[in-house]
Amino acid sequence: YYCAADGGRYGSSWCPLDESYDYWGQGTQVTVSS
């Protein structure tokens, strides 16, 4: 799971669900076991 932040380009009421964000974290692993 990754989080990402934009650089202020998206305005105050909208955000996309694509790879256009500017700043990305390294990710954290989630594993679901049964």
PDB file of all heavy atoms in Angstrom:
ATOM      1  N   TYR A   1       0.843  -1.197   0.000  1.00  0.00           N
ATOM      2  CA  TYR A   1       0.000   0.000   0.000  1.00  0.00           C
ATOM      3  C   TYR A   1       0.877   1.245   0.000  1.00  0.00           C
ATOM      4  O   TYR A   1       1.796   1.364   0.828  1.00  0.00           O
ATOM      5  CB  TYR A   1      -0.924  -0.005   1.211  1.00  0.00           C
ATOM      6  CG  TYR A   1      -2.073  -0.971   1.062  1.00  0.00           C
ATOM      7  CD1 TYR A   1      -1.857  -2.342   1.129  1.00  0.00           C
ATOM      8  CD2 TYR A   1      -3.366  -0.516   0.819  1.00  0.00           C
ATOM      9  CE1 TYR A   1      -2.907  -3.232   0.962  1.00  0.00           C
ATOM     10  CE2 TYR A   1      -4.417  -1.399   0.648  1.00  0.00           C
ATOM     11  CZ  TYR A   1      -4.176  -2.757   0.721  1.00  0.00           C
ATOM     12  OH  TYR A   1      -5.216  -3.641   0.555  1.00  0.00           O
ATOM     13  N   TYR A   2       0.574   2.145  -0.910  1.00  0.00           N
ATOM     14  CA  TYR A   2       1.323   3.385  -1.050  1.00  0.00           C
ATOM     15  C   TYR A   2       0.393   4.574  -0.821  1.00  0.00           C
ATOM     16  O   TYR A   2      -0.783   4.542  -1.175  1.00  0.00           O
ATOM     17  CB  TYR A   2       1.890   3.525  -2.457  1.00  0.00           C
ATOM     18  CG  TYR A   2       2.859   2.454  -2.868  1.00  0.00           C
ATOM     19  CD1 TYR A   2       2.419   1.277  -3.449  1.00  0.00           C
ATOM     20  CD2 TYR A   2       4.233   2.641  -2.704  1.00  0.00           C
ATOM     21  CE1 TYR A   2       3.310   0.293  -3.839  1.00  0.00           C
ATOM     22  CE2 TYR A   2       5.132   1.665  -3.099  1.00  0.00           C
ATOM     23  CZ  TYR A   2       4.659   0.493  -3.666  1.00  0.00           C
ATOM     24  OH  TYR A   2       5.558  -0.474  -4.060  1.00  0.00           O
ATOM     25  N   CYS A   3       0.952   5.618  -0.264  1.00  0.00           N
ATOM     26  CA  CYS A   3       0.242   6.892  -0.279  1.00  0.00           C
ATOM     27  C   CYS A   3       1.045   7.878  -1.128  1.00  0.00           C
ATOM     28  O   CYS A   3       2.262   7.711  -1.336  1.00  0.00           O
ATOM     29  CB  CYS A   3      -0.001   7.450   1.121  1.00  0.00           C
ATOM     30  SG  CYS A   3       1.458   8.018   2.005  1.00  0.00           S
ATOM     31  N   ALA A   4       0.337   8.862  -1.638  1.00  0.00           N
ATOM     32  CA  ALA A   4       0.970   9.855  -2.504  1.00  0.00           C
ATOM     33  C   ALA A   4       0.282  11.194  -2.313  1.00  0.00           C
ATOM     34  O   ALA A   4      -0.919  11.250  -2.028  1.00  0.00           O
ATOM     35  CB  ALA A   4       0.874   9.415  -3.964  1.00  0.00           C
ATOM     36  N   ALA A   5       1.042  12.258  -2.470  1.00  0.00           N
ATOM     37  CA  ALA A   5       0.502  13.609  -2.331  1.00  0.00           C
ATOM     38  C   ALA A   5       0.786  14.406  -3.599  1.00  0.00           C
ATOM     39  O   ALA A   5       1.802  14.192  -4.264  1.00  0.00           O
ATOM     40  CB  ALA A   5       1.126  14.301  -1.120  1.00  0.00           C
ATOM     41  N   ASP A   6      -0.124  15.309  -3.899  1.00  0.00           N
ATOM     42  CA  ASP A   6       0.094  16.145  -5.080  1.00  0.00           C
ATOM     43  C   ASP A   6       0.876  17.391  -4.691  1.00  0.00           C
ATOM     44  O   ASP A   6       1.156  17.618  -3.513  1.00  0.00           O
ATOM     45  CB  ASP A   6      -1.238  16.543  -5.707  1.00  0.00           C
ATOM     46  CG  ASP A   6      -1.860  17.751  -5.013  1.00  0.00           C
ATOM     47  OD1 ASP A   6      -1.965  17.727  -3.785  1.00  0.00           O
ATOM     48  OD2 ASP A   6      -2.230  18.709  -5.703  1.00  0.00           O
ATOM     49  N   GLY A   7       1.251  18.169  -5.661  1.00  0.00           N
ATOM     50  CA  GLY A   7       2.009  19.387  -5.404  1.00  0.00           C
ATOM     51  C   GLY A   7       1.145  20.618  -5.441  1.00  0.00           C
ATOM     52  O   GLY A   7       1.633  21.717  -5.705  1.00  0.00           O
ATOM     53  N   GLY A   8      -0.166  20.459  -5.183  1.00  0.00           N
ATOM     54  CA  GLY A   8      -1.061  21.601  -5.178  1.00  0.00           C
ATOM     55  C   GLY A   8      -1.738  21.866  -6.502  1.00  0.00           C
ATOM     56  O   GLY A   8      -2.290  22.944  -6.706  1.00  0.00           O
ATOM     57  N   ARG A   9      -1.758  20.884  -7.396  1.00  0.00           N
ATOM     58  CA  ARG A   9      -2.305  21.100  -8.739  1.00  0.00           C
ATOM     59  C   ARG A   9      -3.783  20.779  -8.853  1.00  0.00           C
ATOM     60  O   ARG A   9      -4.421  21.139  -9.845  1.00  0.00           O
ATOM     61  CB  ARG A   9      -1.544  20.242  -9.749  1.00  0.00           C
ATOM     62  CG  ARG A   9      -0.081  20.624  -9.889  1.00  0.00           C
ATOM     63  CD  ARG A   9       0.616  19.729 -10.910  1.00  0.00           C
ATOM     64  NE  ARG A   9       0.860  18.393 -10.384  1.00  0.00           N
ATOM     65  CZ  ARG A   9       0.339  17.292 -10.904  1.00  0.00           C
ATOM     66  NH1 ARG A   9      -0.474  17.364 -11.939  1.00  0.00           N
ATOM     67  NH2 ARG A   9       0.630  16.099 -10.390  1.00  0.00           N
ATOM     68  N   TYR A  10      -4.350  20.078  -7.871  1.00  0.00           N
ATOM     69  CA  TYR A  10      -5.680  19.520  -8.071  1.00  0.00           C
ATOM     70  C   TYR A  10      -6.816  20.389  -7.530  1.00  0.00           C
ATOM     71  O   TYR A  10      -7.968  19.991  -7.617  1.00  0.00           O
ATOM     72  CB  TYR A  10      -5.764  18.141  -7.431  1.00  0.00           C
ATOM     73  CG  TYR A  10      -4.778  17.132  -7.985  1.00  0.00           C
ATOM     74  CD1 TYR A  10      -4.229  16.169  -7.163  1.00  0.00           C
ATOM     75  CD2 TYR A  10      -4.394  17.150  -9.317  1.00  0.00           C
ATOM     76  CE1 TYR A  10      -3.326  15.241  -7.650  1.00  0.00           C
ATOM     77  CE2 TYR A  10      -3.490  16.223  -9.815  1.00  0.00           C
ATOM     78  CZ  TYR A  10      -2.963  15.270  -8.973  1.00  0.00           C
ATOM     79  OH  TYR A  10      -2.062  14.360  -9.455  1.00  0.00           O
ATOM     80  N   GLY A  11      -6.520  21.503  -6.976  1.00  0.00           N
ATOM     81  CA  GLY A  11      -7.582  22.328  -6.430  1.00  0.00           C
ATOM     82  C   GLY A  11      -8.055  21.812  -5.092  1.00  0.00           C
ATOM     83  O   GLY A  11      -7.485  20.881  -4.529  1.00  0.00           O
ATOM     84  N   SER A  12      -9.135  22.378  -4.588  1.00  0.00           N
ATOM     85  CA  SER A  12      -9.570  22.095  -3.217  1.00  0.00           C
ATOM     86  C   SER A  12     -10.680  21.065  -3.103  1.00  0.00           C
ATOM     87  O   SER A  12     -11.043  20.669  -2.002  1.00  0.00           O
ATOM     88  CB  SER A  12     -10.031  23.395  -2.556  1.00  0.00           C
ATOM     89  OG  SER A  12     -11.109  23.954  -3.297  1.00  0.00           O
ATOM     90  N   SER A  13     -11.240  20.614  -4.226  1.00  0.00           N
ATOM     91  CA  SER A  13     -12.391  19.717  -4.142  1.00  0.00           C
ATOM     92  C   SER A  13     -12.266  18.460  -4.997  1.00  0.00           C
ATOM     93  O   SER A  13     -13.238  17.730  -5.153  1.00  0.00           O
ATOM     94  CB  SER A  13     -13.659  20.453  -4.580  1.00  0.00           C
ATOM     95  OG  SER A  13     -13.901  21.563  -3.747  1.00  0.00           O
ATOM     96  N   TRP A  14     -11.105  18.190  -5.505  1.00  0.00           N
ATOM     97  CA  TRP A  14     -10.957  17.053  -6.410  1.00  0.00           C
ATOM     98  C   TRP A  14      -9.615  16.393  -6.219  1.00  0.00           C
ATOM     99  O   TRP A  14      -8.620  17.048  -5.871  1.00  0.00           O
ATOM    100  CB  TRP A  14     -11.098  17.510  -7.868  1.00  0.00           C
ATOM    101  CG  TRP A  14     -10.980  16.402  -8.852  1.00  0.00           C
ATOM    102  CD1 TRP A  14     -11.912  15.450  -9.136  1.00  0.00           C
ATOM    103  CD2 TRP A  14      -9.861  16.099  -9.681  1.00  0.00           C
ATOM    104  NE1 TRP A  14     -11.451  14.595 -10.105  1.00  0.00           N
ATOM    105  CE2 TRP A  14     -10.191  14.967 -10.450  1.00  0.00           C
ATOM    106  CE3 TRP A  14      -8.594  16.691  -9.849  1.00  0.00           C
ATOM    107  CZ2 TRP A  14      -9.321  14.405 -11.367  1.00  0.00           C
ATOM    108  CZ3 TRP A  14      -7.720  16.132 -10.780  1.00  0.00           C
ATOM    109  CH2 TRP A  14      -8.079  15.004 -11.516  1.00  0.00           C
ATOM    110  N   CYS A  15      -9.588  15.089  -6.451  1.00  0.00           N
ATOM    111  CA  CYS A  15      -8.327  14.364  -6.455  1.00  0.00           C
ATOM    112  C   CYS A  15      -8.496  13.159  -7.376  1.00  0.00           C
ATOM    113  O   CYS A  15      -9.576  12.581  -7.446  1.00  0.00           O
ATOM    114  CB  CYS A  15      -7.932  13.923  -5.039  1.00  0.00           C
ATOM    115  SG  CYS A  15      -9.177  12.936  -4.168  1.00  0.00           S
ATOM    116  N   PRO A  16      -7.455  12.786  -8.087  1.00  0.00           N
ATOM    117  CA  PRO A  16      -7.550  11.647  -9.005  1.00  0.00           C
ATOM    118  C   PRO A  16      -7.107  10.342  -8.351  1.00  0.00           C
ATOM    119  O   PRO A  16      -6.493  10.347  -7.279  1.00  0.00           O
ATOM    120  CB  PRO A  16      -6.568  12.054 -10.116  1.00  0.00           C
ATOM    121  CG  PRO A  16      -5.508  12.820  -9.386  1.00  0.00           C
ATOM    122  CD  PRO A  16      -6.193  13.512  -8.231  1.00  0.00           C
ATOM    123  N   LEU A  17      -7.386   9.254  -9.011  1.00  0.00           N
ATOM    124  CA  LEU A  17      -6.924   7.940  -8.565  1.00  0.00           C
ATOM    125  C   LEU A  17      -5.979   7.373  -9.609  1.00  0.00           C
ATOM    126  O   LEU A  17      -6.118   6.218 -10.036  1.00  0.00           O
ATOM    127  CB  LEU A  17      -8.124   7.018  -8.328  1.00  0.00           C
ATOM    128  CG  LEU A  17      -8.988   7.387  -7.128  1.00  0.00           C
ATOM    129  CD1 LEU A  17     -10.227   6.504  -7.078  1.00  0.00           C
ATOM    130  CD2 LEU A  17      -8.206   7.280  -5.829  1.00  0.00           C
ATOM    131  N   ASP A  18      -5.028   8.176 -10.028  1.00  0.00           N
ATOM    132  CA  ASP A  18      -4.057   7.734 -11.012  1.00  0.00           C
ATOM    133  C   ASP A  18      -2.646   8.050 -10.532  1.00  0.00           C
ATOM    134  O   ASP A  18      -2.445   8.482  -9.405  1.00  0.00           O
ATOM    135  CB  ASP A  18      -4.346   8.399 -12.371  1.00  0.00           C
ATOM    136  CG  ASP A  18      -4.304   9.917 -12.315  1.00  0.00           C
ATOM    137  OD1 ASP A  18      -3.597  10.488 -11.447  1.00  0.00           O
ATOM    138  OD2 ASP A  18      -4.978  10.546 -13.156  1.00  0.00           O
ATOM    139  N   GLU A  19      -1.671   7.820 -11.412  1.00  0.00           N
ATOM    140  CA  GLU A  19      -0.261   7.922 -11.026  1.00  0.00           C
ATOM    141  C   GLU A  19       0.292   9.349 -11.149  1.00  0.00           C
ATOM    142  O   GLU A  19       1.508   9.526 -11.095  1.00  0.00           O
ATOM    143  CB  GLU A  19       0.575   6.992 -11.914  1.00  0.00           C
ATOM    144  CG  GLU A  19       0.212   5.520 -11.768  1.00  0.00           C
ATOM    145  CD  GLU A  19       0.830   4.895 -10.534  1.00  0.00           C
ATOM    146  OE1 GLU A  19       1.948   5.289 -10.170  1.00  0.00           O
ATOM    147  OE2 GLU A  19       0.184   4.007  -9.930  1.00  0.00           O
ATOM    148  N   SER A  20      -0.560  10.336 -11.256  1.00  0.00           N
ATOM    149  CA  SER A  20      -0.077  11.691 -11.510  1.00  0.00           C
ATOM    150  C   SER A  20       0.410  12.435 -10.279  1.00  0.00           C
ATOM    151  O   SER A  20       0.870  13.568 -10.379  1.00  0.00           O
ATOM    152  CB  SER A  20      -1.193  12.506 -12.180  1.00  0.00           C
ATOM    153  OG  SER A  20      -2.319  12.607 -11.319  1.00  0.00           O
ATOM    154  N   TYR A  21       0.335  11.814  -9.108  1.00  0.00           N
ATOM    155  CA  TYR A  21       0.778  12.485  -7.890  1.00  0.00           C
ATOM    156  C   TYR A  21       2.279  12.731  -7.923  1.00  0.00           C
ATOM    157  O   TYR A  21       3.035  12.028  -8.588  1.00  0.00           O
ATOM    158  CB  TYR A  21       0.419  11.636  -6.665  1.00  0.00           C
ATOM    159  CG  TYR A  21      -1.062  11.656  -6.346  1.00  0.00           C
ATOM    160  CD1 TYR A  21      -1.964  10.889  -7.077  1.00  0.00           C
ATOM    161  CD2 TYR A  21      -1.560  12.445  -5.318  1.00  0.00           C
ATOM    162  CE1 TYR A  21      -3.322  10.916  -6.799  1.00  0.00           C
ATOM    163  CE2 TYR A  21      -2.915  12.475  -5.021  1.00  0.00           C
ATOM    164  CZ  TYR A  21      -3.786  11.705  -5.767  1.00  0.00           C
ATOM    165  OH  TYR A  21      -5.125  11.734  -5.484  1.00  0.00           O
ATOM    166  N   ASP A  22       2.683  13.731  -7.152  1.00  0.00           N
ATOM    167  CA  ASP A  22       4.073  14.168  -7.204  1.00  0.00           C
ATOM    168  C   ASP A  22       4.980  13.477  -6.191  1.00  0.00           C
ATOM    169  O   ASP A  22       6.162  13.260  -6.455  1.00  0.00           O
ATOM    170  CB  ASP A  22       4.139  15.683  -6.960  1.00  0.00           C
ATOM    171  CG  ASP A  22       3.386  16.451  -8.029  1.00  0.00           C
ATOM    172  OD1 ASP A  22       3.788  16.368  -9.202  1.00  0.00           O
ATOM    173  OD2 ASP A  22       2.397  17.128  -7.687  1.00  0.00           O
ATOM    174  N   TYR A  23       4.450  13.154  -5.037  1.00  0.00           N
ATOM    175  CA  TYR A  23       5.282  12.633  -3.949  1.00  0.00           C
ATOM    176  C   TYR A  23       4.730  11.293  -3.481  1.00  0.00           C
ATOM    177  O   TYR A  23       3.577  11.198  -3.080  1.00  0.00           O
ATOM    178  CB  TYR A  23       5.320  13.631  -2.790  1.00  0.00           C
ATOM    179  CG  TYR A  23       5.716  15.017  -3.226  1.00  0.00           C
ATOM    180  CD1 TYR A  23       4.760  16.009  -3.376  1.00  0.00           C
ATOM    181  CD2 TYR A  23       7.037  15.318  -3.518  1.00  0.00           C
ATOM    182  CE1 TYR A  23       5.106  17.279  -3.808  1.00  0.00           C
ATOM    183  CE2 TYR A  23       7.398  16.591  -3.951  1.00  0.00           C
ATOM    184  CZ  TYR A  23       6.431  17.554  -4.090  1.00  0.00           C
ATOM    185  OH  TYR A  23       6.795  18.807  -4.519  1.00  0.00           O
ATOM    186  N   TRP A  24       5.585  10.281  -3.516  1.00  0.00           N
ATOM    187  CA  TRP A  24       5.182   8.912  -3.192  1.00  0.00           C
ATOM    188  C   TRP A  24       6.011   8.378  -2.030  1.00  0.00           C
ATOM    189  O   TRP A  24       7.212   8.653  -1.927  1.00  0.00           O
ATOM    190  CB  TRP A  24       5.389   8.000  -4.398  1.00  0.00           C
ATOM    191  CG  TRP A  24       4.448   8.295  -5.524  1.00  0.00           C
ATOM    192  CD1 TRP A  24       4.561   9.287  -6.457  1.00  0.00           C
ATOM    193  CD2 TRP A  24       3.240   7.594  -5.830  1.00  0.00           C
ATOM    194  NE1 TRP A  24       3.505   9.250  -7.327  1.00  0.00           N
ATOM    195  CE2 TRP A  24       2.673   8.216  -6.966  1.00  0.00           C
ATOM    196  CE3 TRP A  24       2.585   6.499  -5.257  1.00  0.00           C
ATOM    197  CZ2 TRP A  24       1.483   7.780  -7.540  1.00  0.00           C
ATOM    198  CZ3 TRP A  24       1.399   6.060  -5.823  1.00  0.00           C
ATOM    199  CH2 TRP A  24       0.853   6.707  -6.949  1.00  0.00           C
ATOM    200  N   GLY A  25       5.348   7.575  -1.195  1.00  0.00           N
ATOM    201  CA  GLY A  25       6.062   6.883  -0.146  1.00  0.00           C
ATOM    202  C   GLY A  25       6.656   5.579  -0.649  1.00  0.00           C
ATOM    203  O   GLY A  25       6.498   5.210  -1.818  1.00  0.00           O
ATOM    204  N   GLN A  26       7.318   4.869   0.260  1.00  0.00           N
ATOM    205  CA  GLN A  26       7.985   3.607  -0.084  1.00  0.00           C
ATOM    206  C   GLN A  26       7.038   2.408  -0.004  1.00  0.00           C
ATOM    207  O   GLN A  26       7.374   1.329  -0.494  1.00  0.00           O
ATOM    208  CB  GLN A  26       9.188   3.380   0.837  1.00  0.00           C
ATOM    209  CG  GLN A  26      10.296   4.409   0.642  1.00  0.00           C
ATOM    210  CD  GLN A  26      10.834   4.395  -0.774  1.00  0.00           C
ATOM    211  OE1 GLN A  26      11.230   3.373  -1.293  1.00  0.00           O
ATOM    212  NE2 GLN A  26      10.838   5.554  -1.422  1.00  0.00           N
ATOM    213  N   GLY A  27       5.901   2.589   0.613  1.00  0.00           N
ATOM    214  CA  GLY A  27       4.925   1.517   0.686  1.00  0.00           C
ATOM    215  C   GLY A  27       5.007   0.735   1.989  1.00  0.00           C
ATOM    216  O   GLY A  27       6.036   0.700   2.661  1.00  0.00           O
ATOM    217  N   THR A  28       3.894   0.118   2.342  1.00  0.00           N
ATOM    218  CA  THR A  28       3.827  -0.758   3.506  1.00  0.00           C
ATOM    219  C   THR A  28       3.084  -2.032   3.107  1.00  0.00           C
ATOM    220  O   THR A  28       2.063  -1.973   2.432  1.00  0.00           O
ATOM    221  CB  THR A  28       3.143  -0.053   4.704  1.00  0.00           C
ATOM    222  OG1 THR A  28       3.202  -0.892   5.861  1.00  0.00           O
ATOM    223  CG2 THR A  28       1.695   0.316   4.421  1.00  0.00           C
ATOM    224  N   GLN A  29       3.630  -3.169   3.495  1.00  0.00           N
ATOM    225  CA  GLN A  29       3.080  -4.463   3.067  1.00  0.00           C
ATOM    226  C   GLN A  29       1.904  -4.863   3.948  1.00  0.00           C
ATOM    227  O   GLN A  29       1.993  -4.814   5.186  1.00  0.00           O
ATOM    228  CB  GLN A  29       4.168  -5.540   3.147  1.00  0.00           C
ATOM    229  CG  GLN A  29       3.690  -6.945   2.842  1.00  0.00           C
ATOM    230  CD  GLN A  29       3.352  -7.157   1.373  1.00  0.00           C
ATOM    231  OE1 GLN A  29       4.104  -6.732   0.492  1.00  0.00           O
ATOM    232  NE2 GLN A  29       2.231  -7.813   1.099  1.00  0.00           N
ATOM    233  N   VAL A  30       0.840  -5.296   3.307  1.00  0.00           N
ATOM    234  CA  VAL A  30      -0.314  -5.873   4.001  1.00  0.00           C
ATOM    235  C   VAL A  30      -0.518  -7.278   3.463  1.00  0.00           C
ATOM    236  O   VAL A  30      -0.607  -7.474   2.251  1.00  0.00           O
ATOM    237  CB  VAL A  30      -1.580  -5.028   3.782  1.00  0.00           C
ATOM    238  CG1 VAL A  30      -2.799  -5.739   4.354  1.00  0.00           C
ATOM    239  CG2 VAL A  30      -1.426  -3.661   4.419  1.00  0.00           C
ATOM    240  N   THR A  31      -0.580  -8.232   4.361  1.00  0.00           N
ATOM    241  CA  THR A  31      -0.811  -9.622   3.971  1.00  0.00           C
ATOM    242  C   THR A  31      -1.988 -10.158   4.765  1.00  0.00           C
ATOM    243  O   THR A  31      -1.991 -10.093   6.000  1.00  0.00           O
ATOM    244  CB  THR A  31       0.427 -10.485   4.240  1.00  0.00           C
ATOM    245  OG1 THR A  31       1.546  -9.938   3.539  1.00  0.00           O
ATOM    246  CG2 THR A  31       0.200 -11.914   3.776  1.00  0.00           C
ATOM    247  N   VAL A  32      -2.975 -10.674   4.056  1.00  0.00           N
ATOM    248  CA  VAL A  32      -4.168 -11.222   4.685  1.00  0.00           C
ATOM    249  C   VAL A  32      -4.071 -12.743   4.649  1.00  0.00           C
ATOM    250  O   VAL A  32      -3.914 -13.338   3.589  1.00  0.00           O
ATOM    251  CB  VAL A  32      -5.439 -10.747   3.980  1.00  0.00           C
ATOM    252  CG1 VAL A  32      -6.679 -11.303   4.677  1.00  0.00           C
ATOM    253  CG2 VAL A  32      -5.483  -9.226   3.933  1.00  0.00           C
ATOM    254  N   SER A  33      -4.135 -13.339   5.808  1.00  0.00           N
ATOM    255  CA  SER A  33      -4.027 -14.794   5.895  1.00  0.00           C
ATOM    256  C   SER A  33      -5.375 -15.405   6.224  1.00  0.00           C
ATOM    257  O   SER A  33      -6.192 -14.805   6.939  1.00  0.00           O
ATOM    258  CB  SER A  33      -3.009 -15.184   6.963  1.00  0.00           C
ATOM    259  OG  SER A  33      -3.489 -14.844   8.251  1.00  0.00           O
ATOM    260  N   SER A  34      -5.579 -16.606   5.709  1.00  0.00           N
ATOM    261  CA  SER A  34      -6.835 -17.311   5.984  1.00  0.00           C
ATOM    262  C   SER A  34      -6.600 -18.483   6.917  1.00  0.00           C
ATOM    263  O   SER A  34      -7.535 -19.151   7.314  1.00  0.00           O
ATOM    264  CB  SER A  34      -7.457 -17.792   4.678  1.00  0.00           C
ATOM    265  OG  SER A  34      -6.526 -18.567   3.955  1.00  0.00           O
TER     266      SER A  34
END
